Amino acid sequence: MLVWTGFVFLALVLAGIAAVLLLPEIKNQVTIVPAKGSYTAPDISINFALLDSEKVKNLQSFNKQIQQNSSVGRTDPFTSY
């Protein structure tokens, strides 16, 4: 019975020490959420005319077939492909 009392007392002392040491850090991490409606989002405009430009229309598609290698991995990870 005395051993269990000692373990419980030791656990409470360690928990108290941890709380004293970590409580200031926990308080600093708590952020205050602004009230609803107090945040104004920035105006973002997207220029879709760029998609209709000649540079985009003249792009060539990338249809090259990628070859699958039969080996799953390399035997020496430090060698180059």
PDB file of N, CA and C in Angstrom:
ATOM      1  N   MET A   1       0.824  -1.201   0.000  1.00  0.00           N
ATOM      2  CA  MET A   1       0.000   0.000   0.000  1.00  0.00           C
ATOM      3  C   MET A   1       0.866   1.262   0.000  1.00  0.00           C
ATOM      4  N   LEU A   2       1.945   1.187   0.753  1.00  0.00           N
ATOM      5  CA  LEU A   2       2.834   2.333   0.844  1.00  0.00           C
ATOM      6  C   LEU A   2       3.538   2.586  -0.481  1.00  0.00           C
ATOM      7  N   VAL A   3       3.821   1.514  -1.243  1.00  0.00           N
ATOM      8  CA  VAL A   3       4.490   1.659  -2.535  1.00  0.00           C
ATOM      9  C   VAL A   3       3.568   2.376  -3.515  1.00  0.00           C
ATOM     10  N   TRP A   4       2.276   1.991  -3.520  1.00  0.00           N
ATOM     11  CA  TRP A   4       1.322   2.637  -4.438  1.00  0.00           C
ATOM     12  C   TRP A   4       1.133   4.107  -4.071  1.00  0.00           C
ATOM     13  N   THR A   5       1.125   4.406  -2.815  1.00  0.00           N
ATOM     14  CA  THR A   5       0.995   5.799  -2.377  1.00  0.00           C
ATOM     15  C   THR A   5       2.202   6.605  -2.846  1.00  0.00           C
ATOM     16  N   GLY A   6       3.373   6.007  -2.778  1.00  0.00           N
ATOM     17  CA  GLY A   6       4.580   6.685  -3.244  1.00  0.00           C
ATOM     18  C   GLY A   6       4.548   6.934  -4.736  1.00  0.00           C
ATOM     19  N   PHE A   7       4.068   5.930  -5.516  1.00  0.00           N
ATOM     20  CA  PHE A   7       3.957   6.110  -6.964  1.00  0.00           C
ATOM     21  C   PHE A   7       2.955   7.193  -7.324  1.00  0.00           C
ATOM     22  N   VAL A   8       1.826   7.199  -6.638  1.00  0.00           N
ATOM     23  CA  VAL A   8       0.802   8.217  -6.914  1.00  0.00           C
ATOM     24  C   VAL A   8       1.340   9.604  -6.558  1.00  0.00           C
ATOM     25  N   PHE A   9       2.015   9.708  -5.420  1.00  0.00           N
ATOM     26  CA  PHE A   9       2.587  10.995  -5.017  1.00  0.00           C
ATOM     27  C   PHE A   9       3.652  11.467  -6.012  1.00  0.00           C
ATOM     28  N   LEU A  10       4.504  10.533  -6.456  1.00  0.00           N
ATOM     29  CA  LEU A  10       5.524  10.870  -7.437  1.00  0.00           C
ATOM     30  C   LEU A  10       4.891  11.310  -8.754  1.00  0.00           C
ATOM     31  N   ALA A  11       3.840  10.620  -9.183  1.00  0.00           N
ATOM     32  CA  ALA A  11       3.151  10.999 -10.424  1.00  0.00           C
ATOM     33  C   ALA A  11       2.528  12.381 -10.294  1.00  0.00           C
ATOM     34  N   LEU A  12       1.933  12.682  -9.150  1.00  0.00           N
ATOM     35  CA  LEU A  12       1.337  14.008  -8.948  1.00  0.00           C
ATOM     36  C   LEU A  12       2.406  15.100  -8.922  1.00  0.00           C
ATOM     37  N   VAL A  13       3.537  14.825  -8.311  1.00  0.00           N
ATOM     38  CA  VAL A  13       4.622  15.809  -8.270  1.00  0.00           C
ATOM     39  C   VAL A  13       5.161  16.053  -9.678  1.00  0.00           C
ATOM     40  N   LEU A  14       5.367  14.986 -10.444  1.00  0.00           N
ATOM     41  CA  LEU A  14       5.865  15.151 -11.816  1.00  0.00           C
ATOM     42  C   LEU A  14       4.848  15.871 -12.694  1.00  0.00           C
ATOM     43  N   ALA A  15       3.568  15.581 -12.516  1.00  0.00           N
ATOM     44  CA  ALA A  15       2.536  16.273 -13.279  1.00  0.00           C
ATOM     45  C   ALA A  15       2.500  17.757 -12.910  1.00  0.00           C
ATOM     46  N   GLY A  16       2.691  18.063 -11.649  1.00  0.00           N
ATOM     47  CA  GLY A  16       2.718  19.463 -11.213  1.00  0.00           C
ATOM     48  C   GLY A  16       3.908  20.205 -11.789  1.00  0.00           C
ATOM     49  N   ILE A  17       5.069  19.554 -11.780  1.00  0.00           N
ATOM     50  CA  ILE A  17       6.266  20.182 -12.351  1.00  0.00           C
ATOM     51  C   ILE A  17       6.083  20.411 -13.846  1.00  0.00           C
ATOM     52  N   ALA A  18       5.531  19.410 -14.548  1.00  0.00           N
ATOM     53  CA  ALA A  18       5.297  19.567 -15.983  1.00  0.00           C
ATOM     54  C   ALA A  18       4.305  20.691 -16.255  1.00  0.00           C
ATOM     55  N   ALA A  19       3.261  20.798 -15.436  1.00  0.00           N
ATOM     56  CA  ALA A  19       2.268  21.859 -15.633  1.00  0.00           C
ATOM     57  C   ALA A  19       2.892  23.229 -15.417  1.00  0.00           C
ATOM     58  N   VAL A  20       3.729  23.357 -14.409  1.00  0.00           N
ATOM     59  CA  VAL A  20       4.367  24.651 -14.131  1.00  0.00           C
ATOM     60  C   VAL A  20       5.322  25.027 -15.251  1.00  0.00           C
ATOM     61  N   LEU A  21       6.042  24.047 -15.774  1.00  0.00           N
ATOM     62  CA  LEU A  21       7.015  24.347 -16.824  1.00  0.00           C
ATOM     63  C   LEU A  21       6.363  24.601 -18.179  1.00  0.00           C
ATOM     64  N   LEU A  22       5.291  23.879 -18.482  1.00  0.00           N
ATOM     65  CA  LEU A  22       4.696  23.968 -19.816  1.00  0.00           C
ATOM     66  C   LEU A  22       3.534  24.943 -19.910  1.00  0.00           C
ATOM     67  N   LEU A  23       2.981  25.379 -18.799  1.00  0.00           N
ATOM     68  CA  LEU A  23       1.825  26.262 -18.844  1.00  0.00           C
ATOM     69  C   LEU A  23       2.097  27.591 -19.546  1.00  0.00           C
ATOM     70  N   PRO A  24       3.245  28.250 -19.358  1.00  0.00           N
ATOM     71  CA  PRO A  24       3.502  29.494 -20.103  1.00  0.00           C
ATOM     72  C   PRO A  24       3.543  29.270 -21.614  1.00  0.00           C
ATOM     73  N   GLU A  25       4.091  28.144 -22.061  1.00  0.00           N
ATOM     74  CA  GLU A  25       4.133  27.877 -23.497  1.00  0.00           C
ATOM     75  C   GLU A  25       2.743  27.606 -24.053  1.00  0.00           C
ATOM     76  N   ILE A  26       1.918  26.937 -23.289  1.00  0.00           N
ATOM     77  CA  ILE A  26       0.556  26.662 -23.750  1.00  0.00           C
ATOM     78  C   ILE A  26      -0.230  27.966 -23.840  1.00  0.00           C
ATOM     79  N   LYS A  27      -0.032  28.857 -22.889  1.00  0.00           N
ATOM     80  CA  LYS A  27      -0.743  30.145 -22.918  1.00  0.00           C
ATOM     81  C   LYS A  27      -0.319  30.980 -24.123  1.00  0.00           C
ATOM     82  N   ASN A  28       0.962  30.908 -24.525  1.00  0.00           N
ATOM     83  CA  ASN A  28       1.453  31.686 -25.658  1.00  0.00           C
ATOM     84  C   ASN A  28       0.933  31.153 -26.985  1.00  0.00           C
ATOM     85  N   GLN A  29       0.567  29.876 -27.049  1.00  0.00           N
ATOM     86  CA  GLN A  29       0.101  29.288 -28.298  1.00  0.00           C
ATOM     87  C   GLN A  29      -1.384  29.517 -28.530  1.00  0.00           C
ATOM     88  N   VAL A  30      -2.100  29.928 -27.524  1.00  0.00           N
ATOM     89  CA  VAL A  30      -3.531  30.176 -27.669  1.00  0.00           C
ATOM     90  C   VAL A  30      -3.710  31.482 -28.439  1.00  0.00           C
ATOM     91  N   THR A  31      -4.441  31.418 -29.543  1.00  0.00           N
ATOM     92  CA  THR A  31      -4.679  32.620 -30.345  1.00  0.00           C
ATOM     93  C   THR A  31      -6.132  33.030 -30.219  1.00  0.00           C
ATOM     94  N   ILE A  32      -6.343  34.292 -30.278  1.00  0.00           N
ATOM     95  CA  ILE A  32      -7.695  34.830 -30.187  1.00  0.00           C
ATOM     96  C   ILE A  32      -8.279  34.892 -31.592  1.00  0.00           C
ATOM     97  N   VAL A  33      -9.414  34.266 -31.766  1.00  0.00           N
ATOM     98  CA  VAL A  33     -10.084  34.247 -33.063  1.00  0.00           C
ATOM     99  C   VAL A  33     -10.855  35.559 -33.208  1.00  0.00           C
ATOM    100  N   PRO A  34     -10.684  36.273 -34.324  1.00  0.00           N
ATOM    101  CA  PRO A  34     -11.408  37.537 -34.487  1.00  0.00           C
ATOM    102  C   PRO A  34     -12.914  37.296 -34.572  1.00  0.00           C
ATOM    103  N   ALA A  35     -13.650  38.315 -34.191  1.00  0.00           N
ATOM    104  CA  ALA A  35     -15.105  38.212 -34.215  1.00  0.00           C
ATOM    105  C   ALA A  35     -15.601  38.011 -35.633  1.00  0.00           C
ATOM    106  N   LYS A  36     -16.719  37.343 -35.773  1.00  0.00           N
ATOM    107  CA  LYS A  36     -17.274  37.041 -37.082  1.00  0.00           C
ATOM    108  C   LYS A  36     -17.665  38.344 -37.785  1.00  0.00           C
ATOM    109  N   GLY A  37     -17.219  38.467 -39.023  1.00  0.00           N
ATOM    110  CA  GLY A  37     -17.533  39.656 -39.799  1.00  0.00           C
ATOM    111  C   GLY A  37     -16.476  40.743 -39.708  1.00  0.00           C
ATOM    112  N   SER A  38     -15.465  40.586 -38.860  1.00  0.00           N
ATOM    113  CA  SER A  38     -14.456  41.628 -38.733  1.00  0.00           C
ATOM    114  C   SER A  38     -13.319  41.451 -39.739  1.00  0.00           C
ATOM    115  N   TYR A  39     -13.273  40.312 -40.416  1.00  0.00           N
ATOM    116  CA  TYR A  39     -12.218  40.055 -41.394  1.00  0.00           C
ATOM    117  C   TYR A  39     -12.713  40.411 -42.781  1.00  0.00           C
ATOM    118  N   THR A  40     -11.911  41.173 -43.509  1.00  0.00           N
ATOM    119  CA  THR A  40     -12.269  41.502 -44.885  1.00  0.00           C
ATOM    120  C   THR A  40     -11.297  40.795 -45.812  1.00  0.00           C
ATOM    121  N   ALA A  41     -11.826  40.011 -46.707  1.00  0.00           N
ATOM    122  CA  ALA A  41     -10.999  39.255 -47.646  1.00  0.00           C
ATOM    123  C   ALA A  41     -10.474  40.187 -48.727  1.00  0.00           C
ATOM    124  N   PRO A  42      -9.261  39.962 -49.186  1.00  0.00           N
ATOM    125  CA  PRO A  42      -8.725  40.814 -50.246  1.00  0.00           C
ATOM    126  C   PRO A  42      -9.420  40.529 -51.574  1.00  0.00           C
ATOM    127  N   ASP A  43      -9.481  41.552 -52.410  1.00  0.00           N
ATOM    128  CA  ASP A  43     -10.078  41.395 -53.735  1.00  0.00           C
ATOM    129  C   ASP A  43      -9.070  40.699 -54.644  1.00  0.00           C
ATOM    130  N   ILE A  44      -9.483  39.585 -55.200  1.00  0.00           N
ATOM    131  CA  ILE A  44      -8.623  38.823 -56.103  1.00  0.00           C
ATOM    132  C   ILE A  44      -9.280  38.801 -57.470  1.00  0.00           C
ATOM    133  N   SER A  45      -8.535  39.214 -58.466  1.00  0.00           N
ATOM    134  CA  SER A  45      -9.079  39.195 -59.824  1.00  0.00           C
ATOM    135  C   SER A  45      -8.224  38.265 -60.679  1.00  0.00           C
ATOM    136  N   ILE A  46      -8.888  37.446 -61.470  1.00  0.00           N
ATOM    137  CA  ILE A  46      -8.209  36.491 -62.344  1.00  0.00           C
ATOM    138  C   ILE A  46      -8.417  36.951 -63.777  1.00  0.00           C
ATOM    139  N   ASN A  47      -7.317  37.093 -64.499  1.00  0.00           N
ATOM    140  CA  ASN A  47      -7.385  37.555 -65.872  1.00  0.00           C
ATOM    141  C   ASN A  47      -7.491  36.340 -66.792  1.00  0.00           C
ATOM    142  N   PHE A  48      -8.716  35.997 -67.186  1.00  0.00           N
ATOM    143  CA  PHE A  48      -8.925  34.854 -68.060  1.00  0.00           C
ATOM    144  C   PHE A  48      -8.571  35.163 -69.508  1.00  0.00           C
ATOM    145  N   ALA A  49      -8.324  36.414 -69.829  1.00  0.00           N
ATOM    146  CA  ALA A  49      -7.921  36.768 -71.188  1.00  0.00           C
ATOM    147  C   ALA A  49      -6.556  36.182 -71.526  1.00  0.00           C
ATOM    148  N   LEU A  50      -5.749  35.910 -70.511  1.00  0.00           N
ATOM    149  CA  LEU A  50      -4.447  35.304 -70.753  1.00  0.00           C
ATOM    150  C   LEU A  50      -4.589  33.905 -71.344  1.00  0.00           C
ATOM    151  N   LEU A  51      -5.647  33.199 -70.997  1.00  0.00           N
ATOM    152  CA  LEU A  51      -5.851  31.858 -71.538  1.00  0.00           C
ATOM    153  C   LEU A  51      -6.216  31.894 -73.018  1.00  0.00           C
ATOM    154  N   ASP A  52      -6.748  33.009 -73.458  1.00  0.00           N
ATOM    155  CA  ASP A  52      -7.116  33.149 -74.863  1.00  0.00           C
ATOM    156  C   ASP A  52      -5.989  33.758 -75.692  1.00  0.00           C
ATOM    157  N   SER A  53      -4.828  33.987 -75.102  1.00  0.00           N
ATOM    158  CA  SER A  53      -3.737  34.632 -75.827  1.00  0.00           C
ATOM    159  C   SER A  53      -3.110  33.664 -76.827  1.00  0.00           C
ATOM    160  N   GLU A  54      -2.325  34.217 -77.737  1.00  0.00           N
ATOM    161  CA  GLU A  54      -1.685  33.420 -78.790  1.00  0.00           C
ATOM    162  C   GLU A  54      -0.627  32.474 -78.217  1.00  0.00           C
ATOM    163  N   LYS A  55       0.048  32.882 -77.162  1.00  0.00           N
ATOM    164  CA  LYS A  55       1.064  32.016 -76.563  1.00  0.00           C
ATOM    165  C   LYS A  55       0.442  30.728 -76.033  1.00  0.00           C
ATOM    166  N   VAL A  56      -0.716  30.834 -75.458  1.00  0.00           N
ATOM    167  CA  VAL A  56      -1.380  29.645 -74.932  1.00  0.00           C
ATOM    168  C   VAL A  56      -1.956  28.813 -76.067  1.00  0.00           C
ATOM    169  N   LYS A  57      -2.501  29.455 -77.070  1.00  0.00           N
ATOM    170  CA  LYS A  57      -3.093  28.716 -78.182  1.00  0.00           C
ATOM    171  C   LYS A  57      -2.044  27.960 -78.983  1.00  0.00           C
ATOM    172  N   ASN A  58      -0.796  28.438 -79.013  1.00  0.00           N
ATOM    173  CA  ASN A  58       0.260  27.798 -79.784  1.00  0.00           C
ATOM    174  C   ASN A  58       1.041  26.748 -79.001  1.00  0.00           C
ATOM    175  N   LEU A  59       0.615  26.436 -77.814  1.00  0.00           N
ATOM    176  CA  LEU A  59       1.312  25.415 -77.037  1.00  0.00           C
ATOM    177  C   LEU A  59       1.089  24.041 -77.653  1.00  0.00           C
ATOM    178  N   GLN A  60       2.125  23.223 -77.610  1.00  0.00           N
ATOM    179  CA  GLN A  60       2.005  21.859 -78.119  1.00  0.00           C
ATOM    180  C   GLN A  60       1.728  20.926 -76.944  1.00  0.00           C
ATOM    181  N   SER A  61       0.865  19.972 -77.187  1.00  0.00           N
ATOM    182  CA  SER A  61       0.511  19.054 -76.105  1.00  0.00           C
ATOM    183  C   SER A  61       1.633  18.053 -75.860  1.00  0.00           C
ATOM    184  N   PHE A  62       1.717  17.588 -74.673  1.00  0.00           N
ATOM    185  CA  PHE A  62       2.735  16.626 -74.273  1.00  0.00           C
ATOM    186  C   PHE A  62       2.080  15.251 -74.232  1.00  0.00           C
ATOM    187  N   ASN A  63       2.234  14.507 -75.321  1.00  0.00           N
ATOM    188  CA  ASN A  63       1.603  13.200 -75.416  1.00  0.00           C
ATOM    189  C   ASN A  63       2.619  12.070 -75.452  1.00  0.00           C
ATOM    190  N   LYS A  64       3.824  12.333 -75.062  1.00  0.00           N
ATOM    191  CA  LYS A  64       4.860  11.316 -75.106  1.00  0.00           C
ATOM    192  C   LYS A  64       4.523  10.215 -74.102  1.00  0.00           C
ATOM    193  N   GLN A  65       4.602   8.974 -74.562  1.00  0.00           N
ATOM    194  CA  GLN A  65       4.321   7.834 -73.698  1.00  0.00           C
ATOM    195  C   GLN A  65       5.531   7.585 -72.799  1.00  0.00           C
ATOM    196  N   ILE A  66       5.302   7.491 -71.540  1.00  0.00           N
ATOM    197  CA  ILE A  66       6.374   7.229 -70.592  1.00  0.00           C
ATOM    198  C   ILE A  66       6.566   5.728 -70.504  1.00  0.00           C
ATOM    199  N   GLN A  67       7.802   5.286 -70.727  1.00  0.00           N
ATOM    200  CA  GLN A  67       8.083   3.860 -70.717  1.00  0.00           C
ATOM    201  C   GLN A  67       8.186   3.360 -69.280  1.00  0.00           C
ATOM    202  N   GLN A  68       7.564   2.225 -69.061  1.00  0.00           N
ATOM    203  CA  GLN A  68       7.635   1.608 -67.747  1.00  0.00           C
ATOM    204  C   GLN A  68       8.845   0.682 -67.701  1.00  0.00           C
ATOM    205  N   ASN A  69       9.639   0.823 -66.694  1.00  0.00           N
ATOM    206  CA  ASN A  69      10.812  -0.019 -66.525  1.00  0.00           C
ATOM    207  C   ASN A  69      10.377  -1.301 -65.820  1.00  0.00           C
ATOM    208  N   SER A  70      10.933  -2.428 -66.258  1.00  0.00           N
ATOM    209  CA  SER A  70      10.520  -3.699 -65.677  1.00  0.00           C
ATOM    210  C   SER A  70      11.027  -3.870 -64.248  1.00  0.00           C
ATOM    211  N   SER A  71      12.138  -3.219 -63.919  1.00  0.00           N
ATOM    212  CA  SER A  71      12.640  -3.344 -62.549  1.00  0.00           C
ATOM    213  C   SER A  71      11.949  -2.323 -61.661  1.00  0.00           C
ATOM    214  N   VAL A  72      11.588  -2.763 -60.490  1.00  0.00           N
ATOM    215  CA  VAL A  72      10.857  -1.889 -59.580  1.00  0.00           C
ATOM    216  C   VAL A  72      11.783  -0.874 -58.922  1.00  0.00           C
ATOM    217  N   GLY A  73      12.943  -1.319 -58.520  1.00  0.00           N
ATOM    218  CA  GLY A  73      13.866  -0.407 -57.844  1.00  0.00           C
ATOM    219  C   GLY A  73      15.283  -0.622 -58.320  1.00  0.00           C
ATOM    220  N   ARG A  74      16.169   0.182 -57.802  1.00  0.00           N
ATOM    221  CA  ARG A  74      17.582   0.046 -58.148  1.00  0.00           C
ATOM    222  C   ARG A  74      18.276  -0.758 -57.064  1.00  0.00           C
ATOM    223  N   THR A  75      19.321  -1.464 -57.472  1.00  0.00           N
ATOM    224  CA  THR A  75      20.074  -2.218 -56.482  1.00  0.00           C
ATOM    225  C   THR A  75      21.004  -1.305 -55.690  1.00  0.00           C
ATOM    226  N   ASP A  76      21.525  -0.270 -56.326  1.00  0.00           N
ATOM    227  CA  ASP A  76      22.401   0.682 -55.656  1.00  0.00           C
ATOM    228  C   ASP A  76      21.733   2.060 -55.689  1.00  0.00           C
ATOM    229  N   PRO A  77      21.241   2.555 -54.576  1.00  0.00           N
ATOM    230  CA  PRO A  77      20.513   3.826 -54.589  1.00  0.00           C
ATOM    231  C   PRO A  77      21.404   5.035 -54.851  1.00  0.00           C
ATOM    232  N   PHE A  78      22.719   4.854 -54.844  1.00  0.00           N
ATOM    233  CA  PHE A  78      23.616   5.986 -55.020  1.00  0.00           C
ATOM    234  C   PHE A  78      24.076   6.149 -56.461  1.00  0.00           C
ATOM    235  N   THR A  79      23.666   5.262 -57.347  1.00  0.00           N
ATOM    236  CA  THR A  79      24.015   5.409 -58.755  1.00  0.00           C
ATOM    237  C   THR A  79      22.957   6.251 -59.444  1.00  0.00           C
ATOM    238  N   SER A  80      23.378   6.941 -60.494  1.00  0.00           N
ATOM    239  CA  SER A  80      22.436   7.784 -61.215  1.00  0.00           C
ATOM    240  C   SER A  80      21.626   6.944 -62.188  1.00  0.00           C
ATOM    241  N   TYR A  81      20.547   7.514 -62.683  1.00  0.00           N
ATOM    242  CA  TYR A  81      19.723   6.820 -63.664  1.00  0.00           C
ATOM    243  C   TYR A  81      20.464   6.769 -64.964  1.00  0.00           C
TER     244      TYR A  81
END
